[in-house]
Amino acid sequence: MPRLLVVSVCWSLGLLACVARVPHGAAQEAVALHCARGNVSDYPDAQLTLDSQGPRVVHVTFVGYRPSPGRAAWSLQDCLRTAVKFDDSRDIVAKLWYREPQLRSRQEPLPLYEASTKLMYSASTKKIVLRAQDTRAR
């Protein structure tokens, strides 16, 4: 009998944990991308956010290493190309970040292009493009 109680409690906690992870209104999932690999000390963390609505987003984060503009541009483009291989059915926006190595340190955007420009994959043209950001939607 105690074994049945333990199993049911574990199942209930697992179900609650699954429900708690789903944001209210829209499900999001993050997929780790293995891209922009250089030296072991300077490659970024990269993930593709799969949102059920809106464009996909590739977050490329350098941790404890501020890349040169050339290295940053190459990394962002390589990770965007990797994300396109994963899913080319929707637009994908690429975002570049930096953070310190400490756990809970804040991410800060790394400016690479003009503030009103973003690197993205356009699903309609099947190309990676630099596109002017719509500032009216803010």
N, C-alpha and C. Protein backbone atom coordinates (compact mmCIF):
# COMPACT_ATOMS: atom_id res chain seq x y z
N MET A 1 0.80 -1.21 0.00
CA MET A 1 0.00 0.00 0.00
C MET A 1 0.84 1.27 0.00
N PRO A 2 1.91 1.37 0.81
CA PRO A 2 2.72 2.59 0.77
C PRO A 2 3.33 2.83 -0.61
N ARG A 3 3.68 1.75 -1.33
CA ARG A 3 4.25 1.93 -2.66
C ARG A 3 3.25 2.60 -3.59
N LEU A 4 2.00 2.21 -3.55
CA LEU A 4 0.96 2.82 -4.36
C LEU A 4 0.80 4.29 -4.02
N LEU A 5 0.89 4.63 -2.74
CA LEU A 5 0.80 6.03 -2.33
C LEU A 5 1.96 6.84 -2.87
N VAL A 6 3.17 6.29 -2.81
CA VAL A 6 4.35 6.98 -3.33
C VAL A 6 4.23 7.20 -4.84
N VAL A 7 3.80 6.18 -5.55
CA VAL A 7 3.64 6.29 -7.00
C VAL A 7 2.60 7.35 -7.35
N SER A 8 1.48 7.37 -6.66
CA SER A 8 0.44 8.35 -6.97
C SER A 8 0.87 9.77 -6.63
N VAL A 9 1.61 9.94 -5.54
CA VAL A 9 2.12 11.27 -5.18
C VAL A 9 3.12 11.74 -6.24
N CYS A 10 4.03 10.87 -6.65
CA CYS A 10 5.01 11.23 -7.68
C CYS A 10 4.32 11.58 -8.99
N TRP A 11 3.32 10.81 -9.38
CA TRP A 11 2.59 11.09 -10.61
C TRP A 11 1.90 12.45 -10.51
N SER A 12 1.26 12.74 -9.37
CA SER A 12 0.58 14.02 -9.19
C SER A 12 1.56 15.18 -9.24
N LEU A 13 2.71 15.03 -8.59
CA LEU A 13 3.71 16.10 -8.61
C LEU A 13 4.26 16.31 -10.02
N GLY A 14 4.46 15.24 -10.75
CA GLY A 14 4.92 15.35 -12.13
C GLY A 14 3.91 16.07 -13.00
N LEU A 15 2.64 15.75 -12.84
CA LEU A 15 1.58 16.41 -13.59
C LEU A 15 1.53 17.89 -13.25
N LEU A 16 1.63 18.24 -11.98
CA LEU A 16 1.63 19.64 -11.57
C LEU A 16 2.84 20.37 -12.13
N ALA A 17 3.99 19.73 -12.15
CA ALA A 17 5.19 20.36 -12.70
C ALA A 17 5.02 20.64 -14.18
N CYS A 18 4.40 19.72 -14.91
CA CYS A 18 4.16 19.94 -16.34
C CYS A 18 3.20 21.10 -16.57
N VAL A 19 2.15 21.17 -15.80
CA VAL A 19 1.17 22.25 -15.93
C VAL A 19 1.80 23.59 -15.57
N ALA A 20 2.64 23.62 -14.55
CA ALA A 20 3.26 24.88 -14.11
C ALA A 20 4.24 25.43 -15.14
N ARG A 21 4.83 24.58 -15.96
CA ARG A 21 5.80 25.04 -16.95
C ARG A 21 5.14 25.66 -18.17
N VAL A 22 3.90 25.41 -18.44
CA VAL A 22 3.23 25.95 -19.61
C VAL A 22 2.74 27.35 -19.31
N PRO A 23 3.26 28.38 -20.04
CA PRO A 23 2.78 29.74 -19.80
C PRO A 23 1.31 29.87 -20.13
N HIS A 24 0.63 30.73 -19.42
CA HIS A 24 -0.79 30.94 -19.64
C HIS A 24 -1.01 31.56 -21.01
N GLY A 25 -1.83 30.95 -21.83
CA GLY A 25 -2.20 31.52 -23.11
C GLY A 25 -1.45 30.93 -24.30
N ALA A 26 -0.14 30.71 -24.19
CA ALA A 26 0.61 30.21 -25.34
C ALA A 26 1.74 29.31 -24.87
N ALA A 27 1.92 28.22 -25.58
CA ALA A 27 2.99 27.29 -25.22
C ALA A 27 4.28 27.70 -25.93
N GLN A 28 5.38 27.68 -25.19
CA GLN A 28 6.68 27.96 -25.76
C GLN A 28 7.60 26.80 -25.43
N GLU A 29 8.51 26.55 -26.34
CA GLU A 29 9.50 25.51 -26.13
C GLU A 29 10.82 26.05 -26.63
N ALA A 30 11.90 25.74 -25.95
CA ALA A 30 13.22 26.19 -26.36
C ALA A 30 14.04 24.97 -26.77
N VAL A 31 14.69 25.08 -27.92
CA VAL A 31 15.53 24.02 -28.44
C VAL A 31 16.96 24.52 -28.48
N ALA A 32 17.87 23.78 -27.86
CA ALA A 32 19.28 24.16 -27.88
C ALA A 32 19.83 23.97 -29.28
N LEU A 33 20.58 24.95 -29.75
CA LEU A 33 21.21 24.87 -31.06
C LEU A 33 22.71 24.71 -30.87
N HIS A 34 23.30 23.84 -31.64
CA HIS A 34 24.75 23.65 -31.61
C HIS A 34 25.30 24.32 -32.86
N CYS A 35 25.74 25.56 -32.69
CA CYS A 35 26.15 26.37 -33.83
C CYS A 35 27.27 27.31 -33.40
N ALA A 36 27.88 27.97 -34.37
CA ALA A 36 28.89 28.99 -34.13
C ALA A 36 30.01 28.48 -33.23
N ARG A 37 30.42 27.25 -33.46
CA ARG A 37 31.47 26.67 -32.63
C ARG A 37 32.83 27.16 -33.10
N GLY A 38 33.55 27.74 -32.19
CA GLY A 38 34.92 28.18 -32.44
C GLY A 38 35.79 27.53 -31.39
N ASN A 39 36.63 28.33 -30.77
CA ASN A 39 37.41 27.83 -29.64
C ASN A 39 36.46 27.47 -28.51
N VAL A 40 36.87 26.54 -27.68
CA VAL A 40 36.01 26.09 -26.59
C VAL A 40 35.62 27.24 -25.67
N SER A 41 36.48 28.23 -25.53
CA SER A 41 36.20 29.32 -24.58
C SER A 41 35.32 30.43 -25.14
N ASP A 42 35.10 30.46 -26.45
CA ASP A 42 34.38 31.63 -26.98
C ASP A 42 33.12 31.33 -27.78
N TYR A 43 32.63 30.10 -27.77
CA TYR A 43 31.41 29.87 -28.52
C TYR A 43 30.19 30.25 -27.68
N PRO A 44 29.14 30.70 -28.33
CA PRO A 44 27.96 31.18 -27.59
C PRO A 44 27.00 30.07 -27.22
N ASP A 45 26.13 30.37 -26.26
CA ASP A 45 24.97 29.53 -26.00
C ASP A 45 23.91 29.98 -27.00
N ALA A 46 23.22 29.05 -27.60
CA ALA A 46 22.20 29.43 -28.58
C ALA A 46 20.99 28.54 -28.42
N GLN A 47 19.82 29.16 -28.54
CA GLN A 47 18.58 28.38 -28.49
C GLN A 47 17.54 29.01 -29.39
N LEU A 48 16.69 28.17 -29.90
CA LEU A 48 15.58 28.58 -30.75
C LEU A 48 14.31 28.48 -29.92
N THR A 49 13.60 29.59 -29.79
CA THR A 49 12.34 29.59 -29.06
C THR A 49 11.21 29.32 -30.03
N LEU A 50 10.48 28.26 -29.77
CA LEU A 50 9.35 27.88 -30.60
C LEU A 50 8.08 28.36 -29.93
N ASP A 51 7.57 29.45 -30.41
CA ASP A 51 6.35 30.03 -29.88
C ASP A 51 5.19 29.59 -30.77
N SER A 52 4.06 29.30 -30.16
CA SER A 52 2.92 28.85 -30.96
C SER A 52 2.34 29.96 -31.81
N GLN A 53 2.67 31.21 -31.47
CA GLN A 53 2.20 32.36 -32.25
C GLN A 53 3.38 33.27 -32.51
N GLY A 54 3.37 33.98 -33.62
CA GLY A 54 4.44 34.91 -33.92
C GLY A 54 5.67 34.22 -34.47
N PRO A 55 6.71 35.01 -34.73
CA PRO A 55 7.92 34.42 -35.31
C PRO A 55 8.71 33.61 -34.29
N ARG A 56 9.53 32.72 -34.79
CA ARG A 56 10.49 32.00 -33.95
C ARG A 56 11.59 33.01 -33.60
N VAL A 57 12.31 32.75 -32.52
CA VAL A 57 13.40 33.65 -32.12
C VAL A 57 14.63 32.82 -31.79
N VAL A 58 15.76 33.19 -32.38
CA VAL A 58 17.04 32.58 -32.04
C VAL A 58 17.75 33.53 -31.09
N HIS A 59 18.06 33.05 -29.91
CA HIS A 59 18.82 33.83 -28.92
C HIS A 59 20.24 33.30 -28.90
N VAL A 60 21.20 34.14 -29.27
CA VAL A 60 22.61 33.78 -29.27
C VAL A 60 23.26 34.59 -28.15
N THR A 61 23.76 33.90 -27.12
CA THR A 61 24.29 34.57 -25.93
C THR A 61 25.75 34.21 -25.71
N PHE A 62 26.59 35.23 -25.70
CA PHE A 62 27.99 35.04 -25.34
C PHE A 62 28.11 35.21 -23.84
N VAL A 63 28.73 34.25 -23.18
CA VAL A 63 28.84 34.26 -21.74
C VAL A 63 30.30 34.53 -21.35
N GLY A 64 30.54 35.71 -20.74
CA GLY A 64 31.87 36.05 -20.27
C GLY A 64 32.87 36.36 -21.37
N TYR A 65 32.41 36.53 -22.59
CA TYR A 65 33.28 36.82 -23.72
C TYR A 65 32.55 37.78 -24.64
N ARG A 66 33.14 38.96 -24.84
CA ARG A 66 32.54 39.93 -25.77
C ARG A 66 33.21 39.76 -27.13
N PRO A 67 32.46 39.27 -28.10
CA PRO A 67 33.06 38.98 -29.41
C PRO A 67 33.31 40.26 -30.21
N SER A 68 34.22 40.16 -31.16
CA SER A 68 34.43 41.25 -32.12
C SER A 68 33.18 41.34 -32.99
N PRO A 69 32.95 42.48 -33.65
CA PRO A 69 31.78 42.57 -34.53
C PRO A 69 31.74 41.48 -35.61
N GLY A 70 32.91 41.14 -36.15
CA GLY A 70 32.95 40.09 -37.17
C GLY A 70 32.57 38.73 -36.61
N ARG A 71 33.10 38.40 -35.45
CA ARG A 71 32.78 37.11 -34.79
C ARG A 71 31.31 37.07 -34.41
N ALA A 72 30.79 38.19 -33.90
CA ALA A 72 29.38 38.25 -33.51
C ALA A 72 28.47 38.06 -34.72
N ALA A 73 28.77 38.73 -35.83
CA ALA A 73 27.95 38.62 -37.04
C ALA A 73 27.99 37.19 -37.58
N TRP A 74 29.18 36.58 -37.61
CA TRP A 74 29.30 35.20 -38.11
C TRP A 74 28.49 34.26 -37.22
N SER A 75 28.60 34.42 -35.90
CA SER A 75 27.88 33.55 -34.97
C SER A 75 26.38 33.68 -35.13
N LEU A 76 25.90 34.91 -35.23
CA LEU A 76 24.47 35.15 -35.38
C LEU A 76 23.95 34.52 -36.67
N GLN A 77 24.69 34.69 -37.76
CA GLN A 77 24.26 34.12 -39.04
C GLN A 77 24.33 32.60 -39.03
N ASP A 78 25.38 32.04 -38.43
CA ASP A 78 25.51 30.58 -38.37
C ASP A 78 24.38 29.97 -37.55
N CYS A 79 24.06 30.59 -36.42
CA CYS A 79 22.97 30.06 -35.59
C CYS A 79 21.62 30.22 -36.27
N LEU A 80 21.44 31.30 -37.01
CA LEU A 80 20.19 31.48 -37.75
C LEU A 80 20.07 30.43 -38.85
N ARG A 81 21.17 30.14 -39.55
CA ARG A 81 21.15 29.08 -40.58
C ARG A 81 20.84 27.71 -39.94
N THR A 82 21.38 27.47 -38.76
CA THR A 82 21.09 26.21 -38.06
C THR A 82 19.62 26.12 -37.68
N ALA A 83 19.05 27.22 -37.21
CA ALA A 83 17.63 27.26 -36.84
C ALA A 83 16.75 27.02 -38.06
N VAL A 84 17.14 27.55 -39.21
CA VAL A 84 16.37 27.36 -40.44
C VAL A 84 16.34 25.88 -40.82
N LYS A 85 17.44 25.16 -40.57
CA LYS A 85 17.46 23.72 -40.85
C LYS A 85 16.48 22.98 -39.94
N PHE A 86 16.29 23.51 -38.74
CA PHE A 86 15.36 22.89 -37.80
C PHE A 86 13.91 23.14 -38.22
N ASP A 87 13.61 24.38 -38.64
CA ASP A 87 12.23 24.72 -39.03
C ASP A 87 12.24 25.94 -39.93
N ASP A 88 11.96 25.74 -41.21
CA ASP A 88 11.94 26.87 -42.15
C ASP A 88 10.53 27.30 -42.52
N SER A 89 9.54 26.85 -41.76
CA SER A 89 8.15 27.14 -42.11
C SER A 89 7.66 28.51 -41.61
N ARG A 90 8.39 29.11 -40.66
CA ARG A 90 7.97 30.41 -40.11
C ARG A 90 9.16 31.36 -40.07
N ASP A 91 8.88 32.65 -40.01
CA ASP A 91 9.94 33.64 -39.86
C ASP A 91 10.72 33.37 -38.58
N ILE A 92 12.02 33.67 -38.61
CA ILE A 92 12.88 33.50 -37.44
C ILE A 92 13.69 34.78 -37.26
N VAL A 93 13.60 35.37 -36.10
CA VAL A 93 14.34 36.58 -35.78
C VAL A 93 15.56 36.19 -34.94
N ALA A 94 16.72 36.78 -35.24
CA ALA A 94 17.95 36.48 -34.50
C ALA A 94 18.26 37.61 -33.53
N LYS A 95 18.56 37.26 -32.29
CA LYS A 95 18.90 38.26 -31.27
C LYS A 95 20.23 37.88 -30.63
N LEU A 96 21.09 38.88 -30.44
CA LEU A 96 22.42 38.68 -29.91
C LEU A 96 22.52 39.27 -28.51
N TRP A 97 23.09 38.50 -27.57
CA TRP A 97 23.15 38.90 -26.17
C TRP A 97 24.54 38.66 -25.58
N TYR A 98 24.78 39.31 -24.46
CA TYR A 98 25.97 39.07 -23.65
C TYR A 98 25.54 38.99 -22.19
N ARG A 99 26.21 38.10 -21.43
CA ARG A 99 26.00 38.07 -19.99
C ARG A 99 27.27 37.61 -19.31
N GLU A 100 27.41 37.99 -18.06
CA GLU A 100 28.54 37.56 -17.25
C GLU A 100 28.36 36.08 -16.88
N PRO A 101 29.44 35.39 -16.52
CA PRO A 101 29.34 33.96 -16.24
C PRO A 101 28.58 33.60 -14.96
N GLN A 102 28.39 34.52 -14.04
CA GLN A 102 27.69 34.19 -12.81
C GLN A 102 26.25 33.77 -13.13
N LEU A 103 25.73 32.85 -12.33
CA LEU A 103 24.35 32.35 -12.54
C LEU A 103 23.39 33.53 -12.47
N ARG A 104 22.43 33.80 -12.67
CA ARG A 104 21.50 34.92 -12.51
C ARG A 104 22.00 36.29 -12.99
N SER A 105 23.11 36.36 -13.71
CA SER A 105 23.51 37.66 -14.23
C SER A 105 22.58 38.03 -15.38
N ARG A 106 22.34 39.31 -15.53
CA ARG A 106 21.39 39.79 -16.54
C ARG A 106 21.99 39.75 -17.93
N GLN A 107 21.18 39.45 -18.89
CA GLN A 107 21.60 39.51 -20.28
C GLN A 107 21.47 40.93 -20.76
N GLU A 108 22.41 41.37 -21.57
CA GLU A 108 22.30 42.68 -22.20
C GLU A 108 22.43 42.49 -23.70
N PRO A 109 21.66 43.25 -24.46
CA PRO A 109 21.75 43.11 -25.92
C PRO A 109 23.12 43.56 -26.41
N LEU A 110 23.64 42.85 -27.40
CA LEU A 110 24.88 43.25 -28.05
C LEU A 110 24.50 43.90 -29.38
N PRO A 111 24.68 45.20 -29.50
CA PRO A 111 24.30 45.86 -30.75
C PRO A 111 25.26 45.46 -31.88
N LEU A 112 24.71 45.02 -32.97
CA LEU A 112 25.51 44.61 -34.11
C LEU A 112 25.14 45.43 -35.34
N TYR A 113 23.87 45.70 -35.48
CA TYR A 113 23.37 46.49 -36.59
C TYR A 113 22.73 47.75 -36.01
N GLU A 114 22.22 48.60 -36.86
CA GLU A 114 21.50 49.78 -36.38
C GLU A 114 20.34 49.33 -35.50
N ALA A 115 19.95 50.17 -34.58
CA ALA A 115 18.88 49.81 -33.63
C ALA A 115 17.58 49.44 -34.33
N SER A 116 17.32 50.01 -35.49
CA SER A 116 16.06 49.74 -36.18
C SER A 116 16.17 48.58 -37.18
N THR A 117 17.28 47.85 -37.17
CA THR A 117 17.50 46.77 -38.12
C THR A 117 17.68 45.44 -37.39
N LYS A 118 17.13 44.37 -37.95
CA LYS A 118 17.29 43.05 -37.35
C LYS A 118 17.63 42.03 -38.43
N LEU A 119 18.41 41.03 -38.03
CA LEU A 119 18.73 39.92 -38.91
C LEU A 119 17.64 38.88 -38.73
N MET A 120 17.10 38.39 -39.83
CA MET A 120 16.03 37.41 -39.72
C MET A 120 15.96 36.51 -40.95
N TYR A 121 15.29 35.39 -40.78
CA TYR A 121 14.97 34.50 -41.87
C TYR A 121 13.53 34.77 -42.27
N SER A 122 13.31 35.02 -43.54
CA SER A 122 11.97 35.25 -44.05
C SER A 122 11.46 33.96 -44.69
N ALA A 123 10.42 33.39 -44.10
CA ALA A 123 9.87 32.13 -44.62
C ALA A 123 9.25 32.31 -46.00
N SER A 124 8.73 33.49 -46.29
CA SER A 124 8.09 33.70 -47.59
C SER A 124 9.11 33.74 -48.73
N THR A 125 10.31 34.27 -48.49
CA THR A 125 11.33 34.34 -49.54
C THR A 125 12.38 33.24 -49.40
N LYS A 126 12.38 32.53 -48.25
CA LYS A 126 13.36 31.48 -47.96
C LYS A 126 14.79 32.04 -47.95
N LYS A 127 14.95 33.28 -47.43
CA LYS A 127 16.26 33.92 -47.39
C LYS A 127 16.50 34.55 -46.03
N ILE A 128 17.79 34.68 -45.68
CA ILE A 128 18.19 35.42 -44.49
C ILE A 128 18.42 36.85 -44.94
N VAL A 129 17.77 37.79 -44.25
CA VAL A 129 17.80 39.19 -44.67
C VAL A 129 17.99 40.11 -43.46
N LEU A 130 18.47 41.31 -43.75
CA LEU A 130 18.45 42.39 -42.76
C LEU A 130 17.19 43.18 -43.04
N ARG A 131 16.37 43.36 -42.03
CA ARG A 131 15.10 44.03 -42.24
C ARG A 131 14.93 45.16 -41.23
N ALA A 132 14.37 46.27 -41.70
CA ALA A 132 14.07 47.39 -40.81
C ALA A 132 12.96 46.96 -39.87
N GLN A 133 13.16 47.23 -38.59
CA GLN A 133 12.18 46.86 -37.58
C GLN A 133 11.03 47.84 -37.60
N ASP A 134 9.82 47.34 -37.45
CA ASP A 134 8.63 48.18 -37.41
C ASP A 134 8.57 48.85 -36.04
N THR A 135 8.79 50.14 -35.97
CA THR A 135 8.81 50.85 -34.69
C THR A 135 7.40 51.26 -34.25
N ARG A 136 6.43 51.12 -35.12
CA ARG A 136 5.05 51.49 -34.73
C ARG A 136 4.44 50.51 -33.75
N ALA A 137 4.93 49.27 -33.73
CA ALA A 137 4.32 48.23 -32.89
C ALA A 137 4.76 48.31 -31.43
N ARG A 138 5.55 49.30 -31.06
CA ARG A 138 6.02 49.40 -29.68
C ARG A 138 5.00 49.92 -28.75
